[in-house]
C-alpha cells in the first residue's frame, strides 16, 4: 500500500508528475490512497486511487496563505493519524517538500517515507531550512528530477536518486499526431505557460511582446496557471500590448501547443531556478522549438541551437532577436522542430515508470518483509 500526499491540486508540473507516479506505482485493488489539499481542481482528480481531501486554502495574501498552509499541515497530520485505512507497512510518498505533516506522521508511526522533490527556490529562507530539516530527519529516500536539482537541494544523510520527468502516454500520442507548422494562418505564435508570478518571467514576456508589437505577423499567447480573478488582479498594473492574449488555466494545453510556433520559459535565473522544465518537454513532444533559461534542469533537456535556444530572459535584446530570427526562417524552425521531437522521445512514460519502480518497489518490499 502506498499513501501519496500532495498540497495543491492544479495542472502545473508537480501534480502532473505525481499523476504519472500514481499510475506507475499503484495497481487496481491495492488500496493506495491520495491525500490532497482541498483547494484547487486539477490533474489529480483524474487518478485511479481513492482521494482523501484535507483542508487547505490559497489566498492572494502571502501572510494569510502562510497561516492557512501551516494549519493545513496540522489538519493533514490529524487526518492521517486518525485514518484506519492505512496499513502498518504503508509507504508514505510525499510529493514536493510542502506536505511536511505527512513526513512527521510517517516518522512518528514508523512508516517508510519517500520524498519526490520538485522545487529549489523556496522562500523565505527559514521555511526552506525547516522543510529540508524535516525531510532529512524523516525520509529514507529522496527522488530528484535532475542532477542539477540534486546538487542545488542537497539533503545530507538520505539516499537520493534521479528520476527524470516524462509525459503521460495520452499527451505523447497527441504530440505525435500533431504536425508542426511554422505559421498558422500566416501568424507566428509565441506561447508561454506559467503561473502569474514575476519570478516566472511574466513581466519579461509582456516586455518582449510590447517590443515586437510592430510585427503584425507575430502574436504572443500566455496561458496562466490561474483563474480569471487572479489574472485581473495580477495584470491590473500592466499595459498589455494588442499582440498579446492571456488565457486562464486550461485542462487541455495540447490545443495551445498544436498552434504554437515557439514556446518560451522565461523564469528569472536570479529569482527562480527550474529543476526540470516540464512545459519545455511538452512543447518538444509536439515538435515546437523552445527558448529556455540558462540555468537549472532545462540545460539537461536542451542543447543551445539544437532544439531551441538558451537565453536569459533579462536580456530582452537577445530574446527579441531570437524570436525575430525564428519568425523569419521557416527552414531553421523545421530543423529545430525535428530535433525537439527526437529529444523528447528519450523521456518516455515507460522509462519513468521503470526508474520509479527501481527506487520504490524494492525498498517497499524490503520494508514489508521486515
Protein backbone atom coordinates (compact mmCIF):
# COMPACT_ATOMS: atom_id res chain seq x y z
CA UNK A 1 0.00 0.00 0.00
CA UNK A 2 1.21 3.49 -0.86
CA UNK A 3 -0.16 6.70 0.63
CA UNK A 4 0.51 9.56 -1.81
CA UNK A 5 0.43 13.10 -0.40
CA UNK A 6 0.28 16.46 -2.18
CA UNK A 7 -0.74 20.01 -1.26
CA UNK A 8 -2.15 21.98 -4.22
CA UNK A 9 -4.06 20.20 -6.97
CA UNK A 10 -3.73 22.16 -10.20
CA UNK A 11 -2.28 21.47 -13.65
CA UNK A 12 1.28 22.57 -13.01
CA UNK A 13 4.32 20.32 -13.23
CA UNK A 14 4.48 18.65 -9.81
CA UNK A 15 0.89 17.32 -9.66
CA UNK A 16 1.18 16.20 -13.28
CA UNK A 17 4.24 14.14 -12.42
CA UNK A 18 2.52 12.76 -9.31
CA UNK A 19 -0.37 11.62 -11.50
CA UNK A 20 2.11 9.62 -13.57
CA UNK A 21 3.81 8.27 -10.45
CA UNK A 22 0.47 7.05 -9.12
CA UNK A 23 -0.24 5.31 -12.42
CA UNK A 24 3.20 3.69 -12.38
CA UNK A 25 3.22 2.55 -8.75
CA UNK A 26 -0.36 1.76 -7.80
CA UNK A 27 -2.48 -1.03 -9.19
CA UNK A 28 -6.20 -1.66 -9.12
CA UNK A 29 -7.18 -3.24 -5.82
CA UNK A 30 -4.01 -2.39 -3.88
CA UNK A 31 -5.86 0.11 -1.62
CA UNK A 32 -3.48 3.02 -2.26
CA UNK A 33 -4.68 6.44 -1.12
CA UNK A 34 -4.09 10.03 -2.23
CA UNK A 35 -4.25 12.77 0.40
CA UNK A 36 -4.52 16.16 -1.32
CA UNK A 37 -5.36 19.71 -0.22
CA UNK A 38 -8.98 20.77 -0.68
CA UNK A 39 -8.16 23.95 -2.63
CA UNK A 40 -7.97 23.61 -6.39
CA UNK A 41 -9.07 21.22 -9.08
CA UNK A 42 -6.58 19.69 -11.45
CA UNK A 43 -4.99 16.60 -12.91
CA UNK A 44 -5.01 14.67 -9.63
CA UNK A 45 -8.80 14.44 -9.91
CA UNK A 46 -8.16 12.03 -12.78
CA UNK A 47 -6.19 9.44 -10.78
CA UNK A 48 -7.50 5.92 -10.21
CA UNK A 49 -6.91 5.81 -6.44
CA UNK A 50 -9.13 6.79 -3.54
CA UNK A 51 -8.79 10.53 -2.86
CA UNK A 52 -8.91 11.95 0.66
CA UNK A 53 -9.04 15.75 0.86
CA UNK A 54 -7.67 17.73 3.77
CA UNK A 55 -8.38 21.39 4.40
CA UNK A 56 -6.24 23.99 2.60
CA UNK A 57 -6.88 27.45 1.18
CA UNK A 58 -4.63 29.55 -1.05
CA UNK A 59 -5.16 33.32 -0.99
CA UNK A 60 -3.74 36.42 -2.65
CA UNK A 61 -2.24 37.44 0.69
CA UNK A 62 1.16 35.87 1.33
CA UNK A 63 0.75 36.17 5.11
CA UNK A 64 -2.70 34.63 5.11
CA UNK A 65 -1.57 31.82 2.80
CA UNK A 66 1.29 31.07 5.19
CA UNK A 67 -1.20 30.73 8.03
CA UNK A 68 -3.54 28.51 6.03
CA UNK A 69 -0.58 26.41 4.89
CA UNK A 70 0.64 25.73 8.42
CA UNK A 71 -2.92 24.99 9.52
CA UNK A 72 -3.36 22.58 6.62
CA UNK A 73 -0.37 20.53 7.75
CA UNK A 74 -1.81 20.16 11.23
CA UNK A 75 -5.07 19.02 9.66
CA UNK A 76 -3.18 16.62 7.37
CA UNK A 77 -1.29 15.08 10.28
CA UNK A 78 -4.50 14.55 12.24
CA UNK A 79 -6.33 13.07 9.22
CA UNK A 80 -3.50 10.61 8.63
CA UNK A 81 -3.19 9.72 12.30
CA UNK A 82 -6.91 9.04 12.65
CA UNK A 83 -7.19 7.05 9.43
CA UNK A 84 -7.98 3.36 9.90
CA UNK A 85 -7.39 2.58 6.24
CA UNK A 86 -3.60 2.94 6.29
CA UNK A 87 -1.71 -0.34 6.56
CA UNK A 88 1.08 -0.55 9.12
CA UNK A 89 3.55 -1.30 6.32
CA UNK A 90 2.28 1.50 4.08
CA UNK A 91 4.81 3.63 2.24
CA UNK A 92 4.32 7.40 2.61
CA UNK A 93 5.07 9.01 -0.77
CA UNK A 94 5.30 12.80 -0.38
CA UNK A 95 5.22 14.99 -3.49
CA UNK A 96 7.27 18.22 -3.01
CA UNK A 97 8.67 19.38 0.32
CA UNK A 98 5.48 21.17 1.33
CA UNK A 99 3.33 18.40 2.93
CA UNK A 100 5.59 18.09 5.98
CA UNK A 101 2.65 16.94 8.12
CA UNK A 102 2.79 13.61 6.30
CA UNK A 103 6.53 13.28 6.91
CA UNK A 104 6.08 13.82 10.64
CA UNK A 105 3.27 11.26 10.63
CA UNK A 106 5.50 8.72 8.89
CA UNK A 107 8.33 9.32 11.33
CA UNK A 108 6.18 9.05 14.45
CA UNK A 109 4.37 5.91 13.27
CA UNK A 110 7.50 4.20 11.96
CA UNK A 111 6.45 4.12 8.31
CA UNK A 112 8.78 4.39 5.33
CA UNK A 113 8.89 7.94 3.90
CA UNK A 114 9.88 8.87 0.35
CA UNK A 115 10.01 12.45 -0.92
CA UNK A 116 9.62 13.17 -4.64
CA UNK A 117 11.16 16.62 -4.80
CA UNK A 118 10.49 19.22 -7.49
CA UNK A 119 11.42 22.60 -6.04
CA UNK A 120 14.65 24.53 -5.47
CA UNK A 121 13.55 28.10 -4.89
CA UNK A 122 11.81 28.06 -1.52
CA UNK A 123 11.27 31.31 0.35
CA UNK A 124 11.55 32.64 2.92
CA UNK A 125 14.85 31.09 3.99
CA UNK A 126 13.56 29.92 7.41
CA UNK A 127 10.84 27.90 5.64
CA UNK A 128 13.41 26.28 3.36
CA UNK A 129 15.54 25.36 6.37
CA UNK A 130 12.56 23.93 8.23
CA UNK A 131 11.26 21.84 5.31
CA UNK A 132 14.67 20.42 4.38
CA UNK A 133 15.35 19.62 8.05
CA UNK A 134 12.06 17.72 8.31
CA UNK A 135 12.96 15.79 5.15
CA UNK A 136 16.42 14.97 6.49
CA UNK A 137 15.02 13.65 9.78
CA UNK A 138 12.06 11.70 8.37
CA UNK A 139 12.85 10.41 4.88
CA UNK A 140 14.54 7.16 3.90
CA UNK A 141 14.75 8.14 0.22
CA UNK A 142 14.71 11.29 -1.89
CA UNK A 143 13.83 11.43 -5.57
CA UNK A 144 15.17 14.36 -7.61
CA UNK A 145 14.14 15.32 -11.15
CA UNK A 146 17.62 16.22 -12.44
CA UNK A 147 21.28 16.12 -11.47
CA UNK A 148 21.23 19.90 -11.14
CA UNK A 149 18.29 19.58 -8.76
CA UNK A 150 20.19 17.17 -6.52
CA UNK A 151 23.20 19.49 -6.36
CA UNK A 152 21.14 22.56 -5.51
CA UNK A 153 18.87 20.96 -2.93
CA UNK A 154 21.30 18.55 -1.34
CA UNK A 155 19.91 16.97 1.84
CA UNK A 156 22.67 15.07 3.59
CA UNK A 157 22.33 11.67 5.14
CA UNK A 158 19.43 10.45 2.97
CA UNK A 159 19.71 8.09 -0.01
CA UNK A 160 18.91 10.02 -3.18
CA UNK A 161 18.07 9.08 -6.76
CA UNK A 162 17.39 10.89 -10.03
CA UNK A 163 14.23 10.08 -11.97
CA UNK A 164 13.71 12.34 -14.97
CA UNK A 165 10.17 13.54 -15.59
CA UNK A 166 8.15 12.28 -18.51
CA UNK A 167 4.86 12.97 -20.24
CA UNK A 168 1.86 10.70 -19.99
CA UNK A 169 1.12 8.42 -22.92
CA UNK A 170 -2.08 10.20 -23.99
CA UNK A 171 -0.27 13.53 -24.19
CA UNK A 172 2.60 11.97 -26.14
CA UNK A 173 0.13 10.44 -28.58
CA UNK A 174 -1.42 13.85 -29.18
CA UNK A 175 2.02 15.31 -29.76
CA UNK A 176 2.99 12.58 -32.20
CA UNK A 177 -0.18 13.21 -34.23
CA UNK A 178 0.35 16.97 -34.32
CA UNK A 179 2.23 18.31 -37.34
CA UNK A 180 4.36 21.35 -36.59
CA UNK A 181 3.62 24.43 -38.68
CA UNK A 182 5.95 27.41 -38.75
CA UNK A 183 2.91 29.68 -39.00
CA UNK A 184 -0.82 29.26 -38.54
CA UNK A 185 -2.93 31.36 -40.90
CA UNK A 186 0.14 33.47 -41.61
CA UNK A 187 0.88 34.16 -37.95
CA UNK A 188 3.93 33.14 -35.89
CA UNK A 189 2.57 32.20 -32.45
CA UNK A 190 4.81 32.59 -29.39
CA UNK A 191 3.49 30.66 -26.38
CA UNK A 192 4.30 30.58 -22.69
CA UNK A 193 2.54 28.57 -19.97
CA UNK A 194 3.27 29.78 -16.44
CA UNK A 195 1.85 30.77 -13.10
CA UNK A 196 1.31 34.50 -12.71
CA UNK A 197 4.41 35.23 -10.68
CA UNK A 198 7.09 37.78 -11.51
CA UNK A 199 9.83 35.19 -11.00
CA UNK A 200 8.26 33.08 -13.75
CA UNK A 201 9.16 35.80 -16.26
CA UNK A 202 5.68 37.15 -16.92
CA UNK A 203 6.85 40.81 -16.92
CA UNK A 204 9.60 39.85 -19.38
CA UNK A 205 7.01 38.15 -21.60
CA UNK A 206 4.91 41.32 -21.63
CA UNK A 207 8.02 43.39 -22.36
CA UNK A 208 9.13 41.36 -25.38
CA UNK A 209 5.57 41.31 -26.74
CA UNK A 210 5.47 45.09 -26.40
CA UNK A 211 8.82 45.48 -28.15
CA UNK A 212 7.62 43.41 -31.10
CA UNK A 213 4.13 44.92 -31.29
CA UNK A 214 5.06 46.44 -34.65
CA UNK A 215 5.19 42.98 -36.21
CA UNK A 216 1.57 42.19 -37.03
CA UNK A 217 2.53 38.65 -38.04
CA UNK A 218 3.85 37.71 -34.56
CA UNK A 219 1.41 37.03 -31.73
CA UNK A 220 2.09 36.24 -28.07
CA UNK A 221 -0.11 33.85 -26.07
CA UNK A 222 0.21 33.41 -22.31
CA UNK A 223 -1.63 30.51 -20.67
CA UNK A 224 -1.77 31.31 -16.96
CA UNK A 225 -1.94 28.60 -14.35
CA UNK A 226 -4.55 30.73 -12.58
CA UNK A 227 -8.21 31.66 -12.76
CA UNK A 228 -9.73 34.80 -14.30
CA UNK A 229 -9.97 36.65 -10.97
CA UNK A 230 -6.26 36.14 -10.31
CA UNK A 231 -5.47 37.25 -13.87
CA UNK A 232 -7.36 40.51 -13.41
CA UNK A 233 -5.63 41.18 -10.10
CA UNK A 234 -2.14 40.41 -11.43
CA UNK A 235 -2.40 42.44 -14.63
CA UNK A 236 -4.12 45.46 -13.08
CA UNK A 237 -0.89 47.49 -13.28
CA UNK A 238 0.21 46.26 -16.73
CA UNK A 239 -0.48 47.81 -20.12
CA UNK A 240 -0.85 44.72 -22.25
CA UNK A 241 0.02 45.20 -25.94
CA UNK A 242 -2.55 44.39 -28.65
CA UNK A 243 -0.46 41.48 -29.95
CA UNK A 244 -0.77 39.56 -26.67
CA UNK A 245 -3.58 37.30 -25.42
CA UNK A 246 -3.86 35.88 -21.90
CA UNK A 247 -5.79 32.66 -21.25
CA UNK A 248 -6.85 31.25 -17.86
CA UNK A 249 -5.88 27.82 -16.57
CA UNK A 250 -6.74 25.08 -19.04
CA UNK A 251 -7.31 21.35 -18.82
CA UNK A 252 -6.29 20.95 -22.48
CA UNK A 253 -2.84 22.51 -23.01
CA UNK A 254 -2.35 20.32 -26.08
CA UNK A 255 -4.52 22.66 -28.14
CA UNK A 256 -2.15 25.53 -27.38
CA UNK A 257 0.96 23.50 -28.24
CA UNK A 258 -0.64 22.45 -31.53
CA UNK A 259 -0.97 26.09 -32.59
CA UNK A 260 2.41 27.24 -31.25
CA UNK A 261 5.38 28.21 -33.39
CA UNK A 262 7.69 28.73 -30.41
CA UNK A 263 7.42 28.05 -26.67
CA UNK A 264 9.19 30.16 -24.06
CA UNK A 265 10.23 29.52 -20.48
CA UNK A 266 11.34 32.89 -19.13
CA UNK A 267 11.89 32.04 -15.46
CA UNK A 268 14.23 34.61 -13.92
CA UNK A 269 17.59 32.92 -13.17
CA UNK A 270 18.16 35.25 -10.21
CA UNK A 271 14.76 34.52 -8.65
CA UNK A 272 13.65 31.05 -9.74
CA UNK A 273 15.69 28.11 -10.98
CA UNK A 274 13.72 25.45 -12.84
CA UNK A 275 14.54 21.95 -11.64
CA UNK A 276 13.35 20.38 -14.89
CA UNK A 277 11.12 22.50 -17.15
CA UNK A 278 8.10 20.32 -17.92
CA UNK A 279 6.43 22.79 -20.30
CA UNK A 280 9.58 22.68 -22.42
CA UNK A 281 9.39 18.90 -22.70
CA UNK A 282 5.68 19.13 -23.51
CA UNK A 283 6.41 21.58 -26.32
CA UNK A 284 9.20 19.43 -27.69
CA UNK A 285 6.85 16.42 -27.83
CA UNK A 286 4.72 18.50 -30.22
CA UNK A 287 7.80 19.37 -32.24
CA UNK A 288 7.78 23.00 -31.14
CA UNK A 289 11.16 24.79 -30.79
CA UNK A 290 11.82 26.28 -27.36
CA UNK A 291 13.70 29.05 -25.59
CA UNK A 292 14.85 28.12 -22.09
CA UNK A 293 16.67 29.78 -19.16
CA UNK A 294 20.47 29.40 -18.88
CA UNK A 295 20.46 27.58 -15.54
CA UNK A 296 18.91 24.54 -13.92
CA UNK A 297 17.26 21.40 -15.21
CA UNK A 298 16.44 22.77 -18.69
CA UNK A 299 20.14 22.52 -19.53
CA UNK A 300 19.77 18.72 -19.24
CA UNK A 301 16.88 18.86 -21.72
CA UNK A 302 18.10 21.26 -24.39
CA UNK A 303 21.31 21.91 -26.30
CA UNK A 304 21.64 25.53 -27.35
CA UNK A 305 21.00 25.82 -31.07
CA UNK A 306 19.71 22.25 -31.41
CA UNK A 307 16.15 22.03 -30.05
CA UNK A 308 15.97 25.76 -29.45
CA UNK A 309 17.97 28.41 -27.65
CA UNK A 310 19.26 29.07 -24.15
CA UNK A 311 18.62 32.74 -23.32
CA UNK A 312 18.45 34.73 -20.09
CA UNK A 313 15.02 36.37 -20.01
CA UNK A 314 16.59 39.56 -18.62
CA UNK A 315 18.42 40.00 -21.94
CA UNK A 316 15.47 41.42 -23.84
CA UNK A 317 17.59 42.34 -26.88
CA UNK A 318 18.83 38.78 -27.40
CA UNK A 319 15.38 37.37 -26.71
CA UNK A 320 13.75 39.65 -29.27
CA UNK A 321 16.43 38.87 -31.85
CA UNK A 322 15.91 35.12 -31.42
CA UNK A 323 12.14 35.41 -31.84
CA UNK A 324 12.53 37.53 -34.97
CA UNK A 325 15.12 35.13 -36.39
CA UNK A 326 12.81 32.14 -35.95
CA UNK A 327 9.76 34.01 -37.21
CA UNK A 328 11.59 34.83 -40.44
CA UNK A 329 13.34 31.48 -41.02
CA UNK A 330 10.96 28.57 -41.61
CA UNK A 331 13.74 26.14 -42.53
CA UNK A 332 15.53 26.77 -39.23
CA UNK A 333 12.31 26.25 -37.28
CA UNK A 334 11.64 22.95 -39.04
CA UNK A 335 15.17 21.80 -38.23
CA UNK A 336 14.75 22.67 -34.54
CA UNK A 337 11.31 21.05 -34.55
CA UNK A 338 12.63 17.68 -35.70
CA UNK A 339 15.45 17.76 -33.13
CA UNK A 340 12.95 18.63 -30.39
CA UNK A 341 10.76 15.62 -31.21
CA UNK A 342 13.74 13.29 -31.18
CA UNK A 343 14.98 14.62 -27.84
CA UNK A 344 11.56 14.36 -26.18
CA UNK A 345 11.36 10.66 -27.10
CA UNK A 346 14.06 9.94 -24.51
CA UNK A 347 11.68 10.89 -21.69
CA UNK A 348 9.08 8.18 -22.18
CA UNK A 349 6.47 7.05 -19.62
CA UNK A 350 7.97 3.55 -19.67
CA UNK A 351 11.41 4.85 -18.72
CA UNK A 352 9.87 6.96 -15.94
CA UNK A 353 7.84 4.02 -14.58
CA UNK A 354 10.82 1.67 -14.65
CA UNK A 355 13.04 4.16 -12.84
CA UNK A 356 10.43 4.81 -10.16
CA UNK A 357 9.85 1.10 -9.67
CA UNK A 358 13.58 0.55 -9.19
CA UNK A 359 13.65 3.19 -6.47
CA UNK A 360 10.36 2.50 -4.75
CA UNK A 361 9.28 -1.11 -5.12
CA UNK A 362 12.44 -2.81 -3.88
CA UNK A 363 12.54 -0.61 -0.78
CA UNK A 364 8.83 -1.08 -0.18
CA UNK A 365 9.16 -4.86 -0.45
CA UNK A 366 12.08 -4.89 1.96
CA UNK A 367 10.06 -2.81 4.40
CA UNK A 368 7.02 -5.06 4.08
CA UNK A 369 9.05 -8.21 4.75
CA UNK A 370 10.58 -6.91 7.95
